[in-house]
Protein backbone atom coordinates (compact mmCIF):
# COMPACT_ATOMS: atom_id res chain seq x y z
CA MET A 1 -87.89 17.90 -30.46
CA GLN A 2 -90.24 15.31 -28.57
CA LEU A 3 -93.00 13.26 -29.34
CA HIS A 4 -95.69 13.27 -26.74
CA VAL A 5 -98.55 10.54 -27.12
CA PHE A 6 -101.51 11.01 -25.14
CA CYS A 7 -103.63 7.79 -24.08
CA ASP A 8 -107.15 7.80 -22.93
CA ALA A 9 -110.34 5.32 -22.99
CA SER A 10 -114.12 5.52 -22.07
CA THR A 11 -117.27 3.02 -22.23
CA GLU A 12 -117.65 4.32 -25.68
CA ALA A 13 -114.10 4.22 -27.35
CA PHE A 14 -110.53 4.52 -26.44
CA ALA A 15 -107.82 6.78 -28.23
CA ALA A 16 -104.43 7.94 -28.62
CA ALA A 17 -102.80 11.20 -30.20
CA ALA A 18 -99.55 12.13 -31.18
CA TYR A 19 -98.18 15.68 -30.90
CA LEU A 20 -94.91 16.90 -32.04
CA ARG A 21 -93.13 19.57 -29.55
CA SER A 22 -90.34 21.80 -30.49
CA VAL A 23 -88.65 24.45 -29.20
CA GLN A 24 -87.44 27.20 -31.84
CA ALA A 25 -84.65 29.33 -31.78
CA ASP A 26 -86.11 32.09 -29.91
CA GLY A 27 -87.32 30.13 -26.95
CA GLN A 28 -90.98 29.55 -28.24
CA VAL A 29 -92.59 26.34 -27.88
CA VAL A 30 -94.71 25.04 -30.63
CA THR A 31 -97.02 21.75 -30.32
CA ARG A 32 -98.78 20.70 -33.12
CA LEU A 33 -101.08 17.55 -33.60
CA VAL A 34 -99.13 14.63 -35.90
CA MET A 35 -101.47 11.72 -35.98
CA ALA A 36 -104.43 10.37 -33.96
CA ARG A 37 -106.21 6.89 -33.85
CA THR A 38 -109.52 5.76 -32.11
CA ARG A 39 -110.99 2.12 -31.70
CA LEU A 40 -114.53 1.30 -30.48
CA ALA A 41 -114.64 0.00 -27.09
CA ALA A 42 -116.15 -3.46 -26.18
CA VAL A 43 -119.25 -3.77 -24.34
CA SER A 44 -118.15 -6.05 -21.56
CA THR A 45 -114.33 -4.77 -21.17
CA THR A 46 -113.85 -2.60 -17.96
CA ILE A 47 -112.43 0.73 -17.85
CA CYS A 48 -109.07 -0.44 -16.51
CA ARG A 49 -108.72 -2.65 -19.59
CA LEU A 50 -109.57 -0.11 -22.09
CA GLU A 51 -107.12 2.28 -20.52
CA LEU A 52 -104.46 -0.23 -20.81
CA GLN A 53 -105.51 -1.28 -24.60
CA ALA A 54 -105.33 2.79 -25.10
CA ALA A 55 -101.68 2.62 -23.81
CA VAL A 56 -101.14 -0.29 -26.10
CA LEU A 57 -102.56 1.95 -29.06
CA GLY A 58 -100.42 4.60 -27.70
CA VAL A 59 -97.15 2.75 -28.14
CA ARG A 60 -98.04 1.44 -31.53
CA LEU A 61 -99.02 4.91 -32.89
CA GLY A 62 -95.63 6.52 -31.26
CA ALA A 63 -93.54 3.59 -33.10
CA TYR A 64 -95.40 4.21 -36.44
CA VAL A 65 -94.89 8.16 -36.25
CA ASP A 66 -91.14 7.77 -35.16
CA GLU A 67 -90.51 5.63 -38.11
CA ALA A 68 -92.34 7.92 -40.64
CA LEU A 69 -90.73 10.95 -39.50
CA GLY A 70 -87.07 9.29 -39.41
CA ILE A 71 -85.65 11.97 -36.81
CA PRO A 72 -82.73 10.47 -34.95
CA GLY A 73 -82.82 10.59 -31.60
CA LEU A 74 -86.39 11.67 -30.96
CA LYS A 75 -87.44 11.46 -27.22
CA HIS A 76 -90.99 9.83 -26.68
CA VAL A 77 -93.17 10.75 -23.87
CA TYR A 78 -96.42 8.74 -23.15
CA TRP A 79 -99.16 10.34 -21.01
CA THR A 80 -102.19 8.49 -19.56
CA ASP A 81 -104.79 9.64 -16.93
CA SER A 82 -105.28 5.97 -15.52
CA ALA A 83 -103.48 5.44 -12.13
CA VAL A 84 -104.08 2.00 -12.30
CA VAL A 85 -102.36 1.55 -15.81
CA ARG A 86 -99.78 3.92 -14.43
CA CYS A 87 -98.85 1.26 -12.09
CA TRP A 88 -99.43 -1.64 -13.87
CA ILE A 89 -96.71 -0.62 -16.51
CA ARG A 90 -94.33 -0.53 -13.63
CA ALA A 91 -95.15 -4.29 -12.35
CA GLU A 92 -94.49 -7.38 -13.38
CA SER A 93 -96.62 -8.57 -16.17
CA SER A 94 -96.15 -12.21 -15.12
CA ASP A 95 -98.25 -11.38 -11.85
CA TYR A 96 -101.42 -10.38 -13.71
CA GLN A 97 -104.05 -12.13 -15.95
CA GLN A 98 -103.26 -13.14 -19.38
CA PHE A 99 -105.22 -10.12 -20.99
CA VAL A 100 -103.63 -7.78 -18.76
CA ALA A 101 -100.00 -9.36 -18.87
CA HIS A 102 -99.53 -9.54 -22.86
CA ARG A 103 -100.43 -5.88 -22.94
CA ILE A 104 -98.28 -4.88 -20.22
CA ALA A 105 -95.50 -6.68 -21.73
CA GLU A 106 -95.78 -5.00 -25.28
CA VAL A 107 -95.75 -1.66 -23.16
CA ARG A 108 -92.73 -2.55 -21.37
CA LEU A 109 -90.74 -3.50 -24.18
CA ALA A 110 -91.42 -0.28 -25.78
CA THR A 111 -90.25 1.56 -22.78
CA ASP A 112 -86.57 3.09 -22.18
CA GLU A 113 -84.59 5.72 -21.57
CA ARG A 114 -85.73 7.43 -24.68
CA ARG A 115 -89.43 6.46 -24.24
CA VAL A 116 -90.98 7.36 -20.94
CA TRP A 117 -94.44 7.27 -19.33
CA ARG A 118 -95.81 10.05 -17.25
CA PHE A 119 -99.35 10.64 -15.44
CA VAL A 120 -101.58 13.50 -16.73
CA PRO A 121 -105.14 14.75 -14.96
CA GLY A 122 -108.08 13.84 -16.95
CA THR A 123 -108.94 17.60 -17.82
CA LEU A 124 -105.64 18.04 -19.29
CA ASN A 125 -105.71 14.92 -21.54
CA PRO A 126 -106.66 16.05 -25.00
CA ALA A 127 -106.93 12.33 -25.94
CA ASP A 128 -110.09 12.60 -23.97
CA LEU A 129 -111.72 14.33 -26.95
CA ALA A 130 -111.67 11.38 -28.91
CA THR A 131 -113.33 8.98 -26.79
CA ARG A 132 -116.77 11.09 -26.56
CA GLN A 133 -119.82 11.41 -28.81
CA ALA A 134 -120.25 15.09 -27.94
CA VAL A 135 -117.43 17.43 -27.56
CA ASP A 136 -117.53 20.87 -26.19
CA GLU A 137 -116.58 23.38 -28.60
CA THR A 138 -114.39 25.30 -26.17
CA ARG A 139 -112.17 22.29 -25.92
CA ILE A 140 -111.26 22.08 -29.70
CA PRO A 141 -108.01 24.10 -29.65
CA LEU A 142 -106.79 21.54 -27.10
CA TRP A 143 -107.00 18.89 -29.59
CA PHE A 144 -104.77 20.45 -32.30
CA SER A 145 -102.48 22.17 -30.02
CA GLY A 146 -102.17 19.66 -27.36
CA ALA A 147 -101.92 20.35 -23.56
CA GLU A 148 -101.26 23.46 -22.46
CA PHE A 149 -98.61 22.57 -19.84
CA LEU A 150 -96.46 21.36 -23.02
CA SER A 151 -95.58 24.95 -23.62
CA LEU A 152 -94.19 25.30 -20.15
CA PRO A 153 -90.50 24.22 -19.07
CA GLU A 154 -90.65 20.25 -17.82
CA ASP A 155 -90.00 21.52 -14.13
CA SER A 156 -93.93 22.99 -14.59
CA TRP A 157 -95.37 19.56 -15.93
CA PRO A 158 -97.66 17.32 -13.72
CA VAL A 159 -96.03 15.48 -11.34
CA ASP A 160 -95.95 11.55 -11.81
CA LEU A 161 -97.74 9.37 -9.55
CA PRO A 162 -95.94 7.01 -6.92
CA TYR A 163 -95.84 3.33 -7.28
CA VAL A 164 -98.48 1.52 -5.51
CA ARG A 165 -99.04 -2.12 -6.34
CA GLN A 166 -102.74 -2.92 -7.71
CA LEU A 167 -104.52 -5.81 -6.91
CA SER A 168 -106.88 -5.82 -9.62
CA GLU A 169 -106.73 -8.28 -12.30
CA ILE A 170 -104.03 -10.19 -10.16
CA LYS A 171 -103.58 -13.86 -11.28
CA PRO A 172 -104.77 -16.36 -8.83
CA CYS A 173 -102.22 -18.83 -7.93
CA LYS A 174 -100.78 -21.48 -5.21
CA VAL A 175 -97.82 -20.81 -3.26
CA ASP A 176 -95.61 -23.48 -2.00
CA VAL A 177 -93.73 -22.03 0.95
CA GLY A 178 -91.47 -24.74 2.33
CA ALA A 179 -93.72 -27.74 2.86
CA SER A 180 -96.69 -25.70 3.50
CA VAL A 181 -99.45 -24.77 0.91
CA PHE A 182 -101.25 -21.49 0.60
CA HIS A 183 -103.93 -20.49 -1.94
CA VAL A 184 -103.96 -17.07 -2.87
CA CYS A 185 -106.62 -14.80 -4.86
CA ALA A 186 -107.65 -11.24 -5.21
CA ARG A 187 -111.28 -10.30 -5.03
CA ALA A 188 -112.63 -8.48 -7.97
CA CYS A 189 -115.21 -6.60 -5.76
CA ASP A 190 -112.69 -5.25 -3.67
CA PRO A 191 -108.89 -5.03 -4.76
CA SER A 192 -107.53 -3.66 -1.62
CA LEU A 193 -108.48 -7.14 0.00
CA VAL A 194 -106.45 -10.24 -0.50
CA GLN A 195 -107.65 -13.75 0.44
CA VAL A 196 -105.42 -16.04 1.90
CA MET A 197 -106.51 -19.73 2.73
CA VAL A 198 -104.02 -21.82 4.50
CA VAL A 199 -104.62 -25.45 3.36
CA VAL A 200 -102.81 -27.36 5.93
CA ASN A 201 -102.92 -24.83 8.79
CA GLU A 202 -99.34 -23.71 8.03
CA GLU A 203 -98.06 -27.05 9.15
CA PRO A 204 -95.53 -29.25 6.89
CA LEU A 205 -97.49 -32.24 5.02
CA PRO A 206 -96.69 -35.60 6.91
CA GLY A 207 -93.67 -37.82 5.35
CA PHE A 208 -95.84 -40.91 3.93
CA ASP A 209 -93.94 -44.10 4.46
CA PRO A 210 -94.39 -46.47 1.66
CA ALA A 211 -94.15 -49.18 3.99
CA ASP A 212 -96.87 -47.81 6.21
CA LEU A 213 -100.03 -48.59 4.25
CA VAL A 214 -102.18 -46.94 6.89
CA SER A 215 -100.61 -43.80 7.07
CA PHE A 216 -102.02 -42.70 3.87
CA THR A 217 -104.90 -44.71 3.33
CA SER A 218 -106.98 -44.65 6.31
CA MET A 219 -109.00 -41.28 6.72
CA THR A 220 -108.48 -40.96 10.40
CA CYS A 221 -106.79 -38.03 12.77
CA ARG A 222 -104.27 -36.05 10.89
CA LEU A 223 -104.55 -37.37 7.42
CA ALA A 224 -108.40 -36.45 7.57
CA GLU A 225 -107.97 -33.12 8.76
CA LEU A 226 -105.29 -32.35 6.02
CA VAL A 227 -107.90 -33.84 3.34
CA LYS A 228 -110.87 -31.89 4.81
CA ALA A 229 -108.65 -28.90 4.90
CA ALA A 230 -107.51 -29.42 1.05
CA GLN A 231 -111.15 -29.85 -0.16
CA GLN A 232 -112.51 -26.81 1.70
CA ALA A 233 -109.61 -24.65 0.22
CA TRP A 234 -110.17 -26.02 -3.30
CA TRP A 235 -113.83 -26.24 -3.49
CA PRO A 236 -115.38 -23.67 -1.09
CA ASP A 237 -118.51 -23.24 -3.11
CA GLU A 238 -119.16 -26.91 -3.64
CA TYR A 239 -118.50 -27.82 -0.11
CA ALA A 240 -120.83 -24.86 1.29
CA ALA A 241 -123.42 -26.11 -1.31
CA LEU A 242 -123.36 -29.82 0.00
CA GLN A 243 -122.99 -28.43 3.90
CA ALA A 244 -126.21 -26.42 3.42
CA ASP A 245 -129.51 -28.05 4.86
CA PRO A 246 -130.80 -29.08 2.66
CA PRO A 247 -128.15 -29.58 0.28
CA ARG A 248 -127.87 -27.19 -2.98
CA GLU A 249 -127.20 -28.40 -6.44
CA LEU A 250 -123.86 -27.52 -7.67
CA LYS A 251 -123.22 -25.34 -10.62
CA ARG A 252 -123.27 -26.37 -13.97
CA GLY A 253 -119.53 -25.72 -14.79
CA SER A 254 -118.13 -27.33 -11.30
CA CYS A 255 -115.66 -30.09 -11.76
CA LEU A 256 -117.25 -32.06 -8.93
CA LEU A 257 -120.57 -32.46 -10.81
CA PRO A 258 -119.85 -35.70 -12.96
CA PHE A 259 -118.85 -37.37 -9.62
CA SER A 260 -122.13 -37.03 -7.48
CA PRO A 261 -120.12 -35.82 -4.36
CA LEU A 262 -121.48 -36.51 -0.89
CA LEU A 263 -120.48 -35.48 2.50
CA ASP A 264 -119.46 -38.21 4.99
CA GLY A 265 -119.74 -37.90 8.95
CA GLN A 266 -116.10 -36.66 9.08
CA GLY A 267 -117.17 -33.89 6.57
CA LEU A 268 -114.96 -35.16 3.86
CA LEU A 269 -116.07 -35.12 0.06
CA ARG A 270 -116.52 -38.30 -1.13
CA LEU A 271 -117.35 -39.73 -4.67
CA GLY A 272 -120.85 -40.73 -5.02
CA GLY A 273 -122.32 -43.58 -7.38
CA ARG A 274 -124.44 -46.58 -7.20
CA ALA A 275 -122.22 -49.15 -5.14
CA GLY A 276 -123.37 -48.37 -1.92
CA ASN A 277 -125.12 -51.76 -1.35
CA ALA A 278 -121.97 -53.69 -2.34
CA PRO A 279 -121.85 -56.14 0.55
CA ASP A 280 -117.94 -57.22 -0.18
CA LEU A 281 -116.93 -53.50 -0.17
CA ASP A 282 -115.91 -51.32 2.79
CA ASN A 283 -116.66 -47.78 2.65
CA ALA A 284 -113.71 -46.61 1.40
CA ALA A 285 -113.98 -48.44 -1.70
CA LYS A 286 -117.57 -47.71 -1.99
CA HIS A 287 -117.18 -43.82 -1.64
CA SER A 288 -113.35 -42.78 -2.35
CA VAL A 289 -112.21 -39.65 -1.09
CA LEU A 290 -112.06 -36.77 -3.65
CA LEU A 291 -108.96 -35.01 -4.56
CA HIS A 292 -107.64 -32.62 -7.37
CA ARG A 293 -104.32 -33.69 -9.40
CA LYS A 294 -103.09 -30.29 -8.59
CA MET A 295 -103.30 -30.78 -4.98
CA VAL A 296 -99.91 -31.32 -3.20
CA LEU A 297 -101.67 -33.78 -0.76
CA ALA A 298 -102.57 -35.81 -3.77
CA ARG A 299 -99.38 -35.91 -5.08
CA ALA A 300 -97.79 -36.87 -1.93
CA ILE A 301 -100.27 -40.16 -1.69
CA ALA A 302 -99.57 -40.95 -5.14
CA GLU A 303 -96.07 -40.99 -4.98
CA ALA A 304 -96.30 -43.06 -1.45
CA TRP A 305 -98.40 -45.68 -3.63
CA HIS A 306 -95.83 -45.33 -6.56
CA VAL A 307 -92.90 -46.47 -4.20
CA ARG A 308 -94.90 -48.96 -2.30
CA LEU A 309 -95.96 -50.68 -5.74
CA LYS A 310 -92.34 -51.10 -7.16
CA HIS A 311 -92.63 -48.31 -9.58
CA VAL A 312 -95.44 -49.93 -11.77
CA GLY A 313 -97.36 -48.69 -14.79
CA THR A 314 -99.58 -45.89 -15.05
CA ASP A 315 -102.75 -48.09 -15.16
CA THR A 316 -101.74 -50.19 -12.29
CA LEU A 317 -100.67 -47.07 -10.26
CA LEU A 318 -103.99 -45.12 -10.92
CA SER A 319 -106.50 -48.27 -10.03
CA GLU A 320 -104.33 -49.18 -6.73
CA THR A 321 -104.52 -45.37 -5.79
CA ARG A 322 -108.47 -45.45 -6.38
CA ARG A 323 -108.70 -47.76 -3.63
CA SER A 324 -108.59 -45.03 -0.77
CA VAL A 325 -108.66 -41.85 -3.17
CA TRP A 326 -110.23 -40.60 -6.26
CA ILE A 327 -107.92 -38.25 -7.97
CA ILE A 328 -109.80 -35.93 -10.51
CA ARG A 329 -107.62 -36.33 -13.82
CA GLY A 330 -105.33 -38.52 -11.85
CA ARG A 331 -103.89 -40.26 -14.81
CA GLU A 332 -102.08 -36.92 -15.86
CA LEU A 333 -100.72 -37.15 -12.23
CA MET A 334 -99.52 -40.50 -12.62
CA LYS A 335 -97.61 -39.80 -15.66
CA SER A 336 -96.11 -36.96 -14.60
CA ILE A 337 -94.77 -38.75 -11.13
CA ARG A 338 -93.53 -41.49 -13.43
CA LYS A 339 -91.98 -38.94 -15.73
CA VAL A 340 -89.88 -37.69 -12.92
CA CYS A 341 -88.86 -40.76 -11.13
CA GLY A 342 -85.40 -41.70 -11.83
CA HIS A 343 -86.11 -45.46 -11.49
CA CYS A 344 -89.04 -45.14 -14.06
CA GLN A 345 -86.93 -43.45 -16.58
CA LYS A 346 -84.24 -46.18 -16.41
CA GLN A 347 -86.79 -48.56 -17.39
CA SER A 348 -88.35 -47.15 -20.03
CA VAL A 349 -85.00 -45.95 -21.78
CA ARG A 350 -84.77 -47.29 -25.41
CA PRO A 351 -81.63 -48.94 -26.39
CA ALA A 352 -79.83 -46.79 -29.02
CA ILE A 353 -79.69 -48.14 -32.32
CA PRO A 354 -76.06 -48.60 -33.58
CA ARG A 355 -74.83 -47.13 -36.92
CA MET A 356 -74.43 -49.74 -39.70
CA GLY A 357 -71.13 -49.55 -41.55
CA ASP A 358 -70.81 -49.36 -45.33
CA LEU A 359 -71.46 -52.49 -47.53
CA PRO A 360 -68.84 -54.35 -49.13
CA SER A 361 -67.63 -53.52 -52.64
CA ARG A 362 -68.52 -57.31 -53.84
CA ILE A 363 -72.15 -56.74 -53.32
CA PHE A 364 -72.07 -53.58 -55.96
CA ARG A 365 -70.32 -55.89 -58.17
CA ARG A 366 -73.23 -58.36 -58.00
CA VAL A 367 -75.63 -55.84 -58.33
CA ASP A 368 -73.78 -54.65 -61.74
CA ARG A 369 -73.64 -58.16 -63.10
CA LEU A 370 -77.57 -58.58 -62.29
CA LEU A 371 -78.22 -55.08 -64.15
CA ARG A 372 -76.13 -56.30 -67.24
CA ALA A 373 -78.04 -59.66 -67.41
CA ASP A 374 -81.45 -60.72 -68.99
CA ARG A 375 -84.26 -61.87 -66.82
CA ARG A 376 -86.87 -64.20 -67.93
CA LEU A 377 -89.71 -66.11 -65.71
CA MET A 378 -91.00 -69.22 -67.06
CA ARG A 379 -94.95 -70.15 -66.56
CA PRO A 380 -95.84 -71.84 -63.15
CA LEU A 381 -95.29 -75.49 -63.16
CA SER A 382 -97.08 -77.95 -60.81
CA SER A 383 -95.20 -79.37 -57.88
CA ASP A 384 -94.11 -82.81 -57.86
CA ARG A 385 -96.85 -85.74 -57.12
CA ARG A 386 -95.10 -86.81 -53.76
CA ASP A 387 -95.58 -83.44 -52.41
CA PRO A 388 -98.95 -83.80 -50.30
CA GLN A 389 -99.61 -80.02 -51.11
CA THR A 390 -100.43 -78.79 -54.73
CA ARG A 391 -98.33 -75.70 -55.32
CA LYS A 392 -96.72 -73.78 -58.28
CA ARG A 393 -93.52 -73.45 -59.14
CA TYR A 394 -91.83 -70.69 -61.10
CA VAL A 395 -88.52 -70.75 -62.80
CA LEU A 396 -86.11 -67.68 -62.81
CA LEU A 397 -83.74 -67.68 -65.85
CA VAL A 398 -80.97 -65.16 -65.73
CA THR A 399 -78.75 -65.00 -68.94
CA SER A 400 -75.47 -62.63 -69.78
CA VAL A 401 -76.30 -60.07 -72.48
CA LYS A 402 -72.90 -60.48 -73.88
CA THR A 403 -72.11 -64.00 -74.09
CA HIS A 404 -75.75 -65.52 -73.86
CA ARG A 405 -74.62 -68.09 -71.01
CA ILE A 406 -76.94 -68.93 -68.23
CA GLY A 407 -75.75 -67.30 -65.11
CA CYS A 408 -78.48 -68.28 -62.78
CA PHE A 409 -81.32 -71.14 -62.70
CA ARG A 410 -83.31 -71.38 -59.68
CA HIS A 411 -86.77 -72.51 -59.26
CA PHE A 412 -88.88 -71.34 -56.24
CA CYS A 413 -92.43 -71.48 -54.91
CA MET A 414 -94.40 -68.30 -54.63
CA LYS A 415 -97.41 -68.07 -51.60
CA ARG A 416 -99.84 -65.37 -52.05
CA ARG A 417 -102.34 -64.61 -48.92
CA GLY A 418 -105.53 -63.91 -49.31
CA LEU A 419 -106.01 -65.65 -53.01
């Protein structure tokens, strides 16, 4: 016996139908509908995502039917008419967006030697009937008896599609190749194109010398080119809007909007503000260069400042770095640098608290005596006249319960704050 689960989706709904295929003693193949499930489709979801949700629904349906039937060694065959989903199932889930990655992972966990996936043309898929409002009456027997090719030997079943890497729903990422930095992202409008922007022109980042302050603070020559290339790659829309004539307004969701960015003569994005007329500040201090905390270049500059300032705290490191560059969300970057720095870790280590030994036995004997004694507190007495301060003194009288002897006579002064 075999369990065949067909999955399909449309703009209206997505569905999965499970069929049980058995071969009788005379060689006749019988296929019958066991169970089906349908779900309404979200309005803003693409067809590829709906097909993937149908695949997840089919996996869950197959597991439920398998548990209900209780047939040992039952083979599962899952069918989909989406070439994109068929290729997604073969790929690594970590390469795709979160929505797609989670569902690919669930499908892959339910796929093994006993549970396989195959491709079926849309015209032969019986689950297509459950995703339509209007159904052709001539195709109703297909819903109850399953696909016609199931009555044939496995060699006559539809041929599975070869694997092709799908670039749709790919996860945007920044890849460090050696010391070079690349920004890779897929265009949603054309999945066959991949946009690769080289941030530093395939050249290694300069090794900033903490002793040479000018090498990572003066925006001239090579450092200015690196900063400009990084800004254009990280904020292409904002850079194009400010470069237009006249400059266009930034989008509402841009992270540069609170900083009022401006373009200088070198084409660098700098921090805006109202300190342009300050007489005692140079241009770098008035309008610092803008960088993002996730840029490799920003981290290299911050690490150079960190070593130059002799491993200072987070606030000092952040304020000194802002003399030349303004790193967006820079406090998080400074904390991460100090967290991985070996010297800073040694300074911030807390001494271990030694474990104290057991109390001596004589202390417990004193406590035992005190528990078997009578304690009385006399009314407060005024202090001696020679005392310049008037205080109230109390007397504690401890007597033995058995012998009624005075075991302790002590006077003391109680101080209460706020009274």
